[in-house]
């Protein structure tokens, strides 16, 4: 069960990073492709982990690991597109609490032939339903599947699910191929981050994409890059914890639990709304608060169902 507190910690850091992403994408670095490019470039920082253990896998596993990292960056690009135009309180739960876990379940069952125990499947369903409660708005903002919102979150969720599912397969191979849990984890993690870095290389090789990145780069302030770098360090640490949680447990439940990330996003944006409303503003209506509470209760029930040792 060590994966559980690790996953929750990773989602706290991811939630914080998502809120800062929203601030940066709204006013400081408004081009999603540029944002994704810088995120990909920073993936090369994973080389600092090489001294802790790194091995060369067979070619087909290397390609699998690289694809896991690359699809993750594609997912982030569409996630950033949605974050630029819509509220974080809608984008995060729709992507992380609904589409990603659903696609993860489908991929794991149909491609990797994974399975869940009955109580795990019920917990998975509760996690997803809890995420839906965070997404739904009442009154004038009743849930409306606006194409401009649903399209990027749908695609983002699909690519995140592909990445997380492949990630688990890479880690399982690594655990068999390499002796020592730390070395096997680091080896798999490093190869996948190389895949993320290759996305930045790909962007540079395509003239149209390269022009978009360098054109938007001119208008970015140095202070914005500093905030971006600090935020990516926070996000990277959260992502490292997320990968370790997947390494230790079930990727389907780790991803399904991602709905709890919105709990952190909600409270953080709530604080911004109260103290710095110019930056981020969230609804403080009673109906919205009740919905969020119900979502927390449902996700909590899922956690209890999964962790309680039923006989």
C-alpha atoms as a PDB file:
ATOM      1  CA  UNK A   1       0.000   0.000   0.000  1.00  0.00           C
ATOM      2  CA  UNK A   2       3.035   2.310  -0.094  1.00  0.00           C
ATOM      3  CA  UNK A   3       1.896   3.452  -3.545  1.00  0.00           C
ATOM      4  CA  UNK A   4      -1.162   5.180  -2.026  1.00  0.00           C
ATOM      5  CA  UNK A   5       0.497   7.991   0.018  1.00  0.00           C
ATOM      6  CA  UNK A   6       3.063   8.401  -2.751  1.00  0.00           C
ATOM      7  CA  UNK A   7       0.292   8.839  -5.341  1.00  0.00           C
ATOM      8  CA  UNK A   8      -1.589  11.337  -3.157  1.00  0.00           C
ATOM      9  CA  UNK A   9       1.612  13.351  -2.599  1.00  0.00           C
ATOM     10  CA  UNK A  10       2.284  13.367  -6.323  1.00  0.00           C
ATOM     11  CA  UNK A  11      -1.207  14.677  -7.030  1.00  0.00           C
ATOM     12  CA  UNK A  12      -0.783  17.494  -4.513  1.00  0.00           C
ATOM     13  CA  UNK A  13       2.335  18.636  -6.350  1.00  0.00           C
ATOM     14  CA  UNK A  14       0.642  18.106  -9.721  1.00  0.00           C
ATOM     15  CA  UNK A  15      -2.330  20.158  -8.558  1.00  0.00           C
ATOM     16  CA  UNK A  16      -0.049  23.001  -7.503  1.00  0.00           C
ATOM     17  CA  UNK A  17       1.761  22.815 -10.840  1.00  0.00           C
ATOM     18  CA  UNK A  18      -1.571  22.842 -12.710  1.00  0.00           C
ATOM     19  CA  UNK A  19      -2.672  26.033 -10.945  1.00  0.00           C
ATOM     20  CA  UNK A  20       0.608  27.741 -11.833  1.00  0.00           C
ATOM     21  CA  UNK A  21       0.263  26.397 -15.396  1.00  0.00           C
ATOM     22  CA  UNK A  22      -3.101  28.136 -15.614  1.00  0.00           C
ATOM     23  CA  UNK A  23      -1.626  31.443 -14.472  1.00  0.00           C
ATOM     24  CA  UNK A  24       1.259  31.226 -16.951  1.00  0.00           C
ATOM     25  CA  UNK A  25      -0.864  30.088 -19.907  1.00  0.00           C
ATOM     26  CA  UNK A  26      -3.431  32.813 -19.289  1.00  0.00           C
ATOM     27  CA  UNK A  27      -1.090  35.784 -19.298  1.00  0.00           C
ATOM     28  CA  UNK A  28       2.630  35.010 -19.506  1.00  0.00           C
ATOM     29  CA  UNK A  29       3.221  32.095 -21.928  1.00  0.00           C
ATOM     30  CA  UNK A  30      -0.052  31.896 -23.894  1.00  0.00           C
ATOM     31  CA  UNK A  31       1.129  29.570 -26.695  1.00  0.00           C
ATOM     32  CA  UNK A  32       0.488  25.904 -25.691  1.00  0.00           C
ATOM     33  CA  UNK A  33       3.049  24.560 -28.183  1.00  0.00           C
ATOM     34  CA  UNK A  34       5.783  26.733 -26.695  1.00  0.00           C
ATOM     35  CA  UNK A  35       4.760  25.653 -23.214  1.00  0.00           C
ATOM     36  CA  UNK A  36       4.888  21.987 -24.242  1.00  0.00           C
ATOM     37  CA  UNK A  37       8.237  22.549 -25.979  1.00  0.00           C
ATOM     38  CA  UNK A  38       9.884  23.931 -22.851  1.00  0.00           C
ATOM     39  CA  UNK A  39       8.377  21.121 -20.795  1.00  0.00           C
ATOM     40  CA  UNK A  40       9.859  18.581 -23.213  1.00  0.00           C
ATOM     41  CA  UNK A  41      13.274  20.269 -23.173  1.00  0.00           C
ATOM     42  CA  UNK A  42      13.435  20.064 -19.387  1.00  0.00           C
ATOM     43  CA  UNK A  43      12.938  16.299 -19.580  1.00  0.00           C
ATOM     44  CA  UNK A  44      16.650  16.022 -20.370  1.00  0.00           C
ATOM     45  CA  UNK A  45      17.269  16.929 -16.732  1.00  0.00           C
ATOM     46  CA  UNK A  46      16.546  13.293 -15.947  1.00  0.00           C
ATOM     47  CA  UNK A  47      20.239  12.569 -16.611  1.00  0.00           C
ATOM     48  CA  UNK A  48      20.903  13.508 -12.969  1.00  0.00           C
ATOM     49  CA  UNK A  49      19.311  10.168 -12.043  1.00  0.00           C
ATOM     50  CA  UNK A  50      21.663   8.110 -14.218  1.00  0.00           C
ATOM     51  CA  UNK A  51      24.283   7.648 -11.426  1.00  0.00           C
ATOM     52  CA  UNK A  52      21.606   5.943  -9.305  1.00  0.00           C
ATOM     53  CA  UNK A  53      21.371   3.127 -11.831  1.00  0.00           C
ATOM     54  CA  UNK A  54      20.886   2.975 -15.577  1.00  0.00           C
ATOM     55  CA  UNK A  55      20.791   0.030 -17.956  1.00  0.00           C
ATOM     56  CA  UNK A  56      20.340  -0.454 -21.686  1.00  0.00           C
ATOM     57  CA  UNK A  57      17.176  -2.398 -22.504  1.00  0.00           C
ATOM     58  CA  UNK A  58      16.519  -4.548 -25.574  1.00  0.00           C
ATOM     59  CA  UNK A  59      15.569  -2.402 -28.574  1.00  0.00           C
ATOM     60  CA  UNK A  60      11.831  -3.165 -28.487  1.00  0.00           C
ATOM     61  CA  UNK A  61      11.623  -2.132 -24.815  1.00  0.00           C
ATOM     62  CA  UNK A  62      13.582   1.053 -25.518  1.00  0.00           C
ATOM     63  CA  UNK A  63      11.103   1.935 -28.276  1.00  0.00           C
ATOM     64  CA  UNK A  64       8.216   1.193 -25.922  1.00  0.00           C
ATOM     65  CA  UNK A  65       9.734   3.444 -23.241  1.00  0.00           C
ATOM     66  CA  UNK A  66      10.378   6.255 -25.727  1.00  0.00           C
ATOM     67  CA  UNK A  67       6.775   6.039 -26.928  1.00  0.00           C
ATOM     68  CA  UNK A  68       5.536   6.338 -23.334  1.00  0.00           C
ATOM     69  CA  UNK A  69       7.455   9.595 -22.912  1.00  0.00           C
ATOM     70  CA  UNK A  70       6.447  10.965 -26.308  1.00  0.00           C
ATOM     71  CA  UNK A  71       2.719  10.269 -25.894  1.00  0.00           C
ATOM     72  CA  UNK A  72       2.842  11.929 -22.487  1.00  0.00           C
ATOM     73  CA  UNK A  73       4.068  15.169 -24.081  1.00  0.00           C
ATOM     74  CA  UNK A  74       1.348  15.018 -26.739  1.00  0.00           C
ATOM     75  CA  UNK A  75      -1.160  14.672 -23.927  1.00  0.00           C
ATOM     76  CA  UNK A  76       0.319  17.685 -22.157  1.00  0.00           C
ATOM     77  CA  UNK A  77       0.076  19.790 -25.315  1.00  0.00           C
ATOM     78  CA  UNK A  78      -3.677  19.267 -25.575  1.00  0.00           C
ATOM     79  CA  UNK A  79      -4.003  19.702 -21.814  1.00  0.00           C
ATOM     80  CA  UNK A  80      -2.257  23.085 -22.075  1.00  0.00           C
ATOM     81  CA  UNK A  81      -4.573  24.086 -24.933  1.00  0.00           C
ATOM     82  CA  UNK A  82      -7.565  23.439 -22.720  1.00  0.00           C
ATOM     83  CA  UNK A  83      -5.986  25.170 -19.704  1.00  0.00           C
ATOM     84  CA  UNK A  84      -5.288  28.303 -21.731  1.00  0.00           C
ATOM     85  CA  UNK A  85      -8.962  28.825 -22.598  1.00  0.00           C
ATOM     86  CA  UNK A  86     -10.964  27.262 -19.767  1.00  0.00           C
ATOM     87  CA  UNK A  87     -11.087  27.151 -15.972  1.00  0.00           C
ATOM     88  CA  UNK A  88      -8.681  24.806 -14.248  1.00  0.00           C
ATOM     89  CA  UNK A  89     -11.644  23.575 -12.207  1.00  0.00           C
ATOM     90  CA  UNK A  90     -13.183  22.176 -15.383  1.00  0.00           C
ATOM     91  CA  UNK A  91     -10.111  21.039 -17.312  1.00  0.00           C
ATOM     92  CA  UNK A  92      -8.371  19.086 -14.541  1.00  0.00           C
ATOM     93  CA  UNK A  93     -11.315  16.876 -13.486  1.00  0.00           C
ATOM     94  CA  UNK A  94     -12.518  16.342 -17.046  1.00  0.00           C
ATOM     95  CA  UNK A  95      -9.059  15.233 -18.154  1.00  0.00           C
ATOM     96  CA  UNK A  96      -7.716  13.560 -15.029  1.00  0.00           C
ATOM     97  CA  UNK A  97     -10.877  12.349 -13.325  1.00  0.00           C
ATOM     98  CA  UNK A  98     -12.888  11.145 -16.317  1.00  0.00           C
ATOM     99  CA  UNK A  99     -11.182  10.600 -19.688  1.00  0.00           C
ATOM    100  CA  UNK A 100      -7.760   9.406 -18.503  1.00  0.00           C
ATOM    101  CA  UNK A 101      -8.986   6.675 -16.101  1.00  0.00           C
ATOM    102  CA  UNK A 102     -11.647   5.477 -18.532  1.00  0.00           C
ATOM    103  CA  UNK A 103      -9.156   5.142 -21.384  1.00  0.00           C
ATOM    104  CA  UNK A 104      -6.624   3.546 -19.028  1.00  0.00           C
ATOM    105  CA  UNK A 105      -9.132   0.867 -18.066  1.00  0.00           C
ATOM    106  CA  UNK A 106     -10.028   0.195 -21.706  1.00  0.00           C
ATOM    107  CA  UNK A 107      -6.383  -0.026 -22.796  1.00  0.00           C
ATOM    108  CA  UNK A 108      -5.336  -2.224 -19.879  1.00  0.00           C
ATOM    109  CA  UNK A 109      -8.161  -4.686 -20.499  1.00  0.00           C
ATOM    110  CA  UNK A 110      -8.131  -4.761 -24.294  1.00  0.00           C
ATOM    111  CA  UNK A 111      -4.395  -4.575 -25.051  1.00  0.00           C
ATOM    112  CA  UNK A 112      -2.431  -5.621 -21.983  1.00  0.00           C
ATOM    113  CA  UNK A 113      -4.975  -8.167 -20.681  1.00  0.00           C
ATOM    114  CA  UNK A 114      -4.850  -6.745 -17.152  1.00  0.00           C
ATOM    115  CA  UNK A 115      -7.493  -7.549 -14.572  1.00  0.00           C
ATOM    116  CA  UNK A 116      -9.003  -6.051 -11.432  1.00  0.00           C
ATOM    117  CA  UNK A 117     -10.516  -7.701  -8.387  1.00  0.00           C
ATOM    118  CA  UNK A 118     -14.178  -6.916  -7.739  1.00  0.00           C
ATOM    119  CA  UNK A 119     -13.488  -4.423  -4.946  1.00  0.00           C
ATOM    120  CA  UNK A 120     -10.779  -2.743  -7.045  1.00  0.00           C
ATOM    121  CA  UNK A 121     -13.189  -2.356  -9.947  1.00  0.00           C
ATOM    122  CA  UNK A 122     -15.808  -0.827  -7.627  1.00  0.00           C
ATOM    123  CA  UNK A 123     -13.172   1.515  -6.190  1.00  0.00           C
ATOM    124  CA  UNK A 124     -12.166   2.496  -9.720  1.00  0.00           C
ATOM    125  CA  UNK A 125     -15.799   3.341 -10.547  1.00  0.00           C
ATOM    126  CA  UNK A 126     -16.119   5.450  -7.385  1.00  0.00           C
ATOM    127  CA  UNK A 127     -12.950   7.362  -8.249  1.00  0.00           C
ATOM    128  CA  UNK A 128     -14.315   8.186 -11.696  1.00  0.00           C
ATOM    129  CA  UNK A 129     -17.786   9.123 -10.394  1.00  0.00           C
ATOM    130  CA  UNK A 130     -16.149  11.342  -7.770  1.00  0.00           C
ATOM    131  CA  UNK A 131     -14.225  13.085 -10.531  1.00  0.00           C
ATOM    132  CA  UNK A 132     -17.484  13.686 -12.395  1.00  0.00           C
ATOM    133  CA  UNK A 133     -18.954  15.434  -9.354  1.00  0.00           C
ATOM    134  CA  UNK A 134     -16.045  17.843  -9.414  1.00  0.00           C
ATOM    135  CA  UNK A 135     -16.647  18.547 -13.087  1.00  0.00           C
ATOM    136  CA  UNK A 136     -20.401  19.220 -13.013  1.00  0.00           C
ATOM    137  CA  UNK A 137     -21.593  22.797 -12.486  1.00  0.00           C
ATOM    138  CA  UNK A 138     -25.068  23.829 -11.391  1.00  0.00           C
ATOM    139  CA  UNK A 139     -27.285  26.740 -12.320  1.00  0.00           C
ATOM    140  CA  UNK A 140     -26.226  28.769 -15.322  1.00  0.00           C
ATOM    141  CA  UNK A 141     -23.014  26.778 -15.568  1.00  0.00           C
ATOM    142  CA  UNK A 142     -24.636  23.361 -15.808  1.00  0.00           C
ATOM    143  CA  UNK A 143     -22.333  20.909 -17.525  1.00  0.00           C
ATOM    144  CA  UNK A 144     -22.249  21.579 -21.230  1.00  0.00           C
ATOM    145  CA  UNK A 145     -20.014  19.528 -23.488  1.00  0.00           C
ATOM    146  CA  UNK A 146     -18.587  22.455 -25.380  1.00  0.00           C
ATOM    147  CA  UNK A 147     -16.547  21.036 -28.263  1.00  0.00           C
ATOM    148  CA  UNK A 148     -13.737  23.520 -27.615  1.00  0.00           C
ATOM    149  CA  UNK A 149     -13.431  22.148 -24.075  1.00  0.00           C
ATOM    150  CA  UNK A 150     -14.217  18.476 -24.600  1.00  0.00           C
ATOM    151  CA  UNK A 151     -12.070  17.931 -27.722  1.00  0.00           C
ATOM    152  CA  UNK A 152      -8.661  18.806 -26.178  1.00  0.00           C
ATOM    153  CA  UNK A 153      -9.444  17.156 -22.822  1.00  0.00           C
ATOM    154  CA  UNK A 154     -10.670  14.015 -24.596  1.00  0.00           C
ATOM    155  CA  UNK A 155      -7.499  13.781 -26.709  1.00  0.00           C
ATOM    156  CA  UNK A 156      -5.319  14.669 -23.737  1.00  0.00           C
ATOM    157  CA  UNK A 157      -6.953  11.974 -21.609  1.00  0.00           C
ATOM    158  CA  UNK A 158      -6.424   9.411 -24.374  1.00  0.00           C
ATOM    159  CA  UNK A 159      -2.703  10.137 -24.724  1.00  0.00           C
ATOM    160  CA  UNK A 160      -2.199  10.273 -20.951  1.00  0.00           C
ATOM    161  CA  UNK A 161      -3.874   6.867 -20.682  1.00  0.00           C
ATOM    162  CA  UNK A 162      -1.668   5.402 -23.410  1.00  0.00           C
ATOM    163  CA  UNK A 163       1.425   6.786 -21.698  1.00  0.00           C
ATOM    164  CA  UNK A 164       0.484   5.533 -18.224  1.00  0.00           C
ATOM    165  CA  UNK A 165      -0.451   2.072 -19.504  1.00  0.00           C
ATOM    166  CA  UNK A 166       2.792   1.693 -21.455  1.00  0.00           C
ATOM    167  CA  UNK A 167       4.704   3.073 -18.463  1.00  0.00           C
ATOM    168  CA  UNK A 168       3.482   0.215 -16.292  1.00  0.00           C
ATOM    169  CA  UNK A 169       4.535  -2.321 -18.921  1.00  0.00           C
ATOM    170  CA  UNK A 170       8.013  -0.778 -19.117  1.00  0.00           C
ATOM    171  CA  UNK A 171       8.383  -0.869 -15.341  1.00  0.00           C
ATOM    172  CA  UNK A 172       7.245  -4.492 -15.186  1.00  0.00           C
ATOM    173  CA  UNK A 173       9.851  -5.472 -17.759  1.00  0.00           C
ATOM    174  CA  UNK A 174      12.487  -3.402 -15.969  1.00  0.00           C
ATOM    175  CA  UNK A 175      11.767  -5.155 -12.663  1.00  0.00           C
ATOM    176  CA  UNK A 176      12.367  -8.538 -14.323  1.00  0.00           C
ATOM    177  CA  UNK A 177      15.331  -7.490 -16.462  1.00  0.00           C
ATOM    178  CA  UNK A 178      17.266  -5.606 -13.755  1.00  0.00           C
ATOM    179  CA  UNK A 179      18.053  -6.641 -10.186  1.00  0.00           C
ATOM    180  CA  UNK A 180      17.357  -4.004  -7.545  1.00  0.00           C
ATOM    181  CA  UNK A 181      14.164  -1.941  -7.311  1.00  0.00           C
ATOM    182  CA  UNK A 182      15.900   1.468  -7.427  1.00  0.00           C
ATOM    183  CA  UNK A 183      18.017   0.648 -10.473  1.00  0.00           C
ATOM    184  CA  UNK A 184      15.087  -0.929 -12.342  1.00  0.00           C
ATOM    185  CA  UNK A 185      12.867   2.088 -11.614  1.00  0.00           C
ATOM    186  CA  UNK A 186      15.509   4.647 -12.597  1.00  0.00           C
ATOM    187  CA  UNK A 187      16.346   2.826 -15.830  1.00  0.00           C
ATOM    188  CA  UNK A 188      12.739   2.719 -16.984  1.00  0.00           C
ATOM    189  CA  UNK A 189      12.053   6.292 -15.891  1.00  0.00           C
ATOM    190  CA  UNK A 190      15.127   7.704 -17.653  1.00  0.00           C
ATOM    191  CA  UNK A 191      14.364   5.981 -20.963  1.00  0.00           C
ATOM    192  CA  UNK A 192      10.797   7.313 -20.915  1.00  0.00           C
ATOM    193  CA  UNK A 193      11.940  10.868 -20.223  1.00  0.00           C
ATOM    194  CA  UNK A 194      14.292  10.607 -23.183  1.00  0.00           C
ATOM    195  CA  UNK A 195      11.133   9.958 -25.199  1.00  0.00           C
ATOM    196  CA  UNK A 196       9.651  13.200 -23.874  1.00  0.00           C
ATOM    197  CA  UNK A 197      12.812  15.079 -24.849  1.00  0.00           C
ATOM    198  CA  UNK A 198      12.594  13.713 -28.396  1.00  0.00           C
ATOM    199  CA  UNK A 199       9.283  15.550 -28.790  1.00  0.00           C
ATOM    200  CA  UNK A 200      11.166  18.843 -28.402  1.00  0.00           C
ATOM    201  CA  UNK A 201      13.668  17.659 -31.027  1.00  0.00           C
ATOM    202  CA  UNK A 202      10.780  16.794 -33.348  1.00  0.00           C
ATOM    203  CA  UNK A 203       9.292  20.283 -32.894  1.00  0.00           C
ATOM    204  CA  UNK A 204      12.630  21.862 -33.836  1.00  0.00           C
ATOM    205  CA  UNK A 205      12.853  19.731 -36.980  1.00  0.00           C
ATOM    206  CA  UNK A 206       9.449  20.866 -38.304  1.00  0.00           C
ATOM    207  CA  UNK A 207       9.757  24.439 -39.729  1.00  0.00           C
ATOM    208  CA  UNK A 208       6.149  25.444 -39.019  1.00  0.00           C
ATOM    209  CA  UNK A 209       6.282  24.259 -35.410  1.00  0.00           C
ATOM    210  CA  UNK A 210       9.744  25.744 -34.870  1.00  0.00           C
ATOM    211  CA  UNK A 211       8.520  29.127 -36.103  1.00  0.00           C
ATOM    212  CA  UNK A 212       5.580  29.110 -33.682  1.00  0.00           C
ATOM    213  CA  UNK A 213       7.879  28.365 -30.748  1.00  0.00           C
ATOM    214  CA  UNK A 214      10.537  30.945 -31.564  1.00  0.00           C
ATOM    215  CA  UNK A 215       8.020  33.635 -32.528  1.00  0.00           C
ATOM    216  CA  UNK A 216       6.180  33.363 -29.221  1.00  0.00           C
ATOM    217  CA  UNK A 217       9.461  33.081 -27.301  1.00  0.00           C
ATOM    218  CA  UNK A 218      10.354  36.688 -28.170  1.00  0.00           C
ATOM    219  CA  UNK A 219       7.452  38.090 -26.123  1.00  0.00           C
ATOM    220  CA  UNK A 220       8.125  35.991 -23.016  1.00  0.00           C
ATOM    221  CA  UNK A 221       9.592  37.892 -20.058  1.00  0.00           C
ATOM    222  CA  UNK A 222      12.594  36.523 -18.201  1.00  0.00           C
ATOM    223  CA  UNK A 223      10.592  36.512 -14.955  1.00  0.00           C
ATOM    224  CA  UNK A 224       8.006  34.274 -16.620  1.00  0.00           C
ATOM    225  CA  UNK A 225      10.706  31.772 -17.554  1.00  0.00           C
ATOM    226  CA  UNK A 226      11.874  31.770 -13.933  1.00  0.00           C
ATOM    227  CA  UNK A 227       8.375  30.989 -12.687  1.00  0.00           C
ATOM    228  CA  UNK A 228       8.018  28.365 -15.407  1.00  0.00           C
ATOM    229  CA  UNK A 229      11.277  26.675 -14.392  1.00  0.00           C
ATOM    230  CA  UNK A 230      10.317  26.622 -10.702  1.00  0.00           C
ATOM    231  CA  UNK A 231       6.913  25.219 -11.589  1.00  0.00           C
ATOM    232  CA  UNK A 232       8.415  22.497 -13.776  1.00  0.00           C
ATOM    233  CA  UNK A 233      10.675  21.453 -10.892  1.00  0.00           C
ATOM    234  CA  UNK A 234       7.576  21.088  -8.720  1.00  0.00           C
ATOM    235  CA  UNK A 235       5.803  19.206 -11.486  1.00  0.00           C
ATOM    236  CA  UNK A 236       8.838  16.998 -12.167  1.00  0.00           C
ATOM    237  CA  UNK A 237       9.061  15.927  -8.539  1.00  0.00           C
ATOM    238  CA  UNK A 238       5.338  15.191  -8.526  1.00  0.00           C
ATOM    239  CA  UNK A 239       5.700  13.223 -11.750  1.00  0.00           C
ATOM    240  CA  UNK A 240       8.629  11.264 -10.309  1.00  0.00           C
ATOM    241  CA  UNK A 241       6.434  10.279  -7.356  1.00  0.00           C
ATOM    242  CA  UNK A 242       3.589   9.390  -9.723  1.00  0.00           C
ATOM    243  CA  UNK A 243       5.832   7.059 -11.709  1.00  0.00           C
ATOM    244  CA  UNK A 244       7.088   5.438  -8.523  1.00  0.00           C
ATOM    245  CA  UNK A 245       3.491   4.878  -7.408  1.00  0.00           C
ATOM    246  CA  UNK A 246       2.768   3.213 -10.764  1.00  0.00           C
ATOM    247  CA  UNK A 247       5.951   1.163 -10.335  1.00  0.00           C
ATOM    248  CA  UNK A 248       4.724  -0.072  -6.931  1.00  0.00           C
ATOM    249  CA  UNK A 249       1.019  -0.540  -7.618  1.00  0.00           C
ATOM    250  CA  UNK A 250      -1.725  -0.755 -10.238  1.00  0.00           C
ATOM    251  CA  UNK A 251      -1.552   1.943 -12.908  1.00  0.00           C
ATOM    252  CA  UNK A 252      -5.352   1.773 -13.311  1.00  0.00           C
ATOM    253  CA  UNK A 253      -6.012   2.668  -9.664  1.00  0.00           C
ATOM    254  CA  UNK A 254      -3.178   5.203  -9.505  1.00  0.00           C
ATOM    255  CA  UNK A 255      -4.606   6.982 -12.548  1.00  0.00           C
ATOM    256  CA  UNK A 256      -8.201   6.674 -11.327  1.00  0.00           C
ATOM    257  CA  UNK A 257      -7.166   8.260  -8.028  1.00  0.00           C
ATOM    258  CA  UNK A 258      -5.999  11.250 -10.052  1.00  0.00           C
ATOM    259  CA  UNK A 259      -9.493  12.623  -9.501  1.00  0.00           C
ATOM    260  CA  UNK A 260      -8.311  13.628  -6.024  1.00  0.00           C
ATOM    261  CA  UNK A 261      -5.911  16.044  -7.689  1.00  0.00           C
ATOM    262  CA  UNK A 262      -8.901  18.277  -8.315  1.00  0.00           C
ATOM    263  CA  UNK A 263      -9.504  18.471  -4.568  1.00  0.00           C
ATOM    264  CA  UNK A 264      -6.124  20.153  -4.234  1.00  0.00           C
ATOM    265  CA  UNK A 265      -6.734  22.304  -7.316  1.00  0.00           C
ATOM    266  CA  UNK A 266     -10.091  23.424  -5.916  1.00  0.00           C
ATOM    267  CA  UNK A 267      -8.690  24.541  -2.551  1.00  0.00           C
ATOM    268  CA  UNK A 268      -5.713  26.260  -4.154  1.00  0.00           C
ATOM    269  CA  UNK A 269      -7.869  28.162  -6.648  1.00  0.00           C
ATOM    270  CA  UNK A 270     -10.266  28.941  -3.799  1.00  0.00           C
ATOM    271  CA  UNK A 271      -7.441  30.634  -1.910  1.00  0.00           C
ATOM    272  CA  UNK A 272      -6.483  32.555  -5.045  1.00  0.00           C
ATOM    273  CA  UNK A 273     -10.120  33.594  -5.513  1.00  0.00           C
ATOM    274  CA  UNK A 274     -10.277  34.946  -1.971  1.00  0.00           C
ATOM    275  CA  UNK A 275      -6.883  36.611  -1.693  1.00  0.00           C
ATOM    276  CA  UNK A 276      -5.747  37.234  -5.288  1.00  0.00           C
ATOM    277  CA  UNK A 277      -8.912  37.244  -7.461  1.00  0.00           C
ATOM    278  CA  UNK A 278      -7.106  39.077 -10.252  1.00  0.00           C
ATOM    279  CA  UNK A 279      -5.035  35.946 -10.914  1.00  0.00           C
ATOM    280  CA  UNK A 280      -7.641  33.168 -10.606  1.00  0.00           C
ATOM    281  CA  UNK A 281     -11.309  33.278  -9.676  1.00  0.00           C
ATOM    282  CA  UNK A 282     -13.441  30.267  -8.691  1.00  0.00           C
ATOM    283  CA  UNK A 283     -17.139  30.186  -7.863  1.00  0.00           C
ATOM    284  CA  UNK A 284     -17.881  30.332  -4.129  1.00  0.00           C
ATOM    285  CA  UNK A 285     -21.591  29.527  -4.495  1.00  0.00           C
ATOM    286  CA  UNK A 286     -23.044  27.100  -1.959  1.00  0.00           C
ATOM    287  CA  UNK A 287     -24.175  24.654  -4.653  1.00  0.00           C
ATOM    288  CA  UNK A 288     -20.654  24.378  -6.047  1.00  0.00           C
ATOM    289  CA  UNK A 289     -19.167  23.792  -2.586  1.00  0.00           C
ATOM    290  CA  UNK A 290     -21.715  21.014  -1.919  1.00  0.00           C
ATOM    291  CA  UNK A 291     -20.834  19.325  -5.205  1.00  0.00           C
ATOM    292  CA  UNK A 292     -17.145  19.367  -4.358  1.00  0.00           C
ATOM    293  CA  UNK A 293     -17.900  17.907  -0.920  1.00  0.00           C
ATOM    294  CA  UNK A 294     -19.906  15.071  -2.475  1.00  0.00           C
ATOM    295  CA  UNK A 295     -17.034  14.374  -4.834  1.00  0.00           C
ATOM    296  CA  UNK A 296     -14.627  14.133  -1.894  1.00  0.00           C
ATOM    297  CA  UNK A 297     -16.978  11.736  -0.064  1.00  0.00           C
ATOM    298  CA  UNK A 298     -17.277   9.461  -3.108  1.00  0.00           C
ATOM    299  CA  UNK A 299     -13.523   9.385  -3.718  1.00  0.00           C
ATOM    300  CA  UNK A 300     -12.990   8.756   0.005  1.00  0.00           C
ATOM    301  CA  UNK A 301     -15.415   5.829  -0.194  1.00  0.00           C
ATOM    302  CA  UNK A 302     -13.384   4.438  -3.067  1.00  0.00           C
ATOM    303  CA  UNK A 303     -10.199   4.700  -1.015  1.00  0.00           C
ATOM    304  CA  UNK A 304     -11.846   2.954   1.947  1.00  0.00           C
ATOM    305  CA  UNK A 305     -13.209   0.199  -0.273  1.00  0.00           C
ATOM    306  CA  UNK A 306      -9.801  -0.447  -1.796  1.00  0.00           C
ATOM    307  CA  UNK A 307      -7.698  -0.250   1.382  1.00  0.00           C
ATOM    308  CA  UNK A 308     -10.022  -1.969   3.893  1.00  0.00           C
ATOM    309  CA  UNK A 309      -9.072  -5.654   4.217  1.00  0.00           C
ATOM    310  CA  UNK A 310     -12.428  -7.263   3.494  1.00  0.00           C
ATOM    311  CA  UNK A 311     -12.434 -10.985   4.183  1.00  0.00           C
END
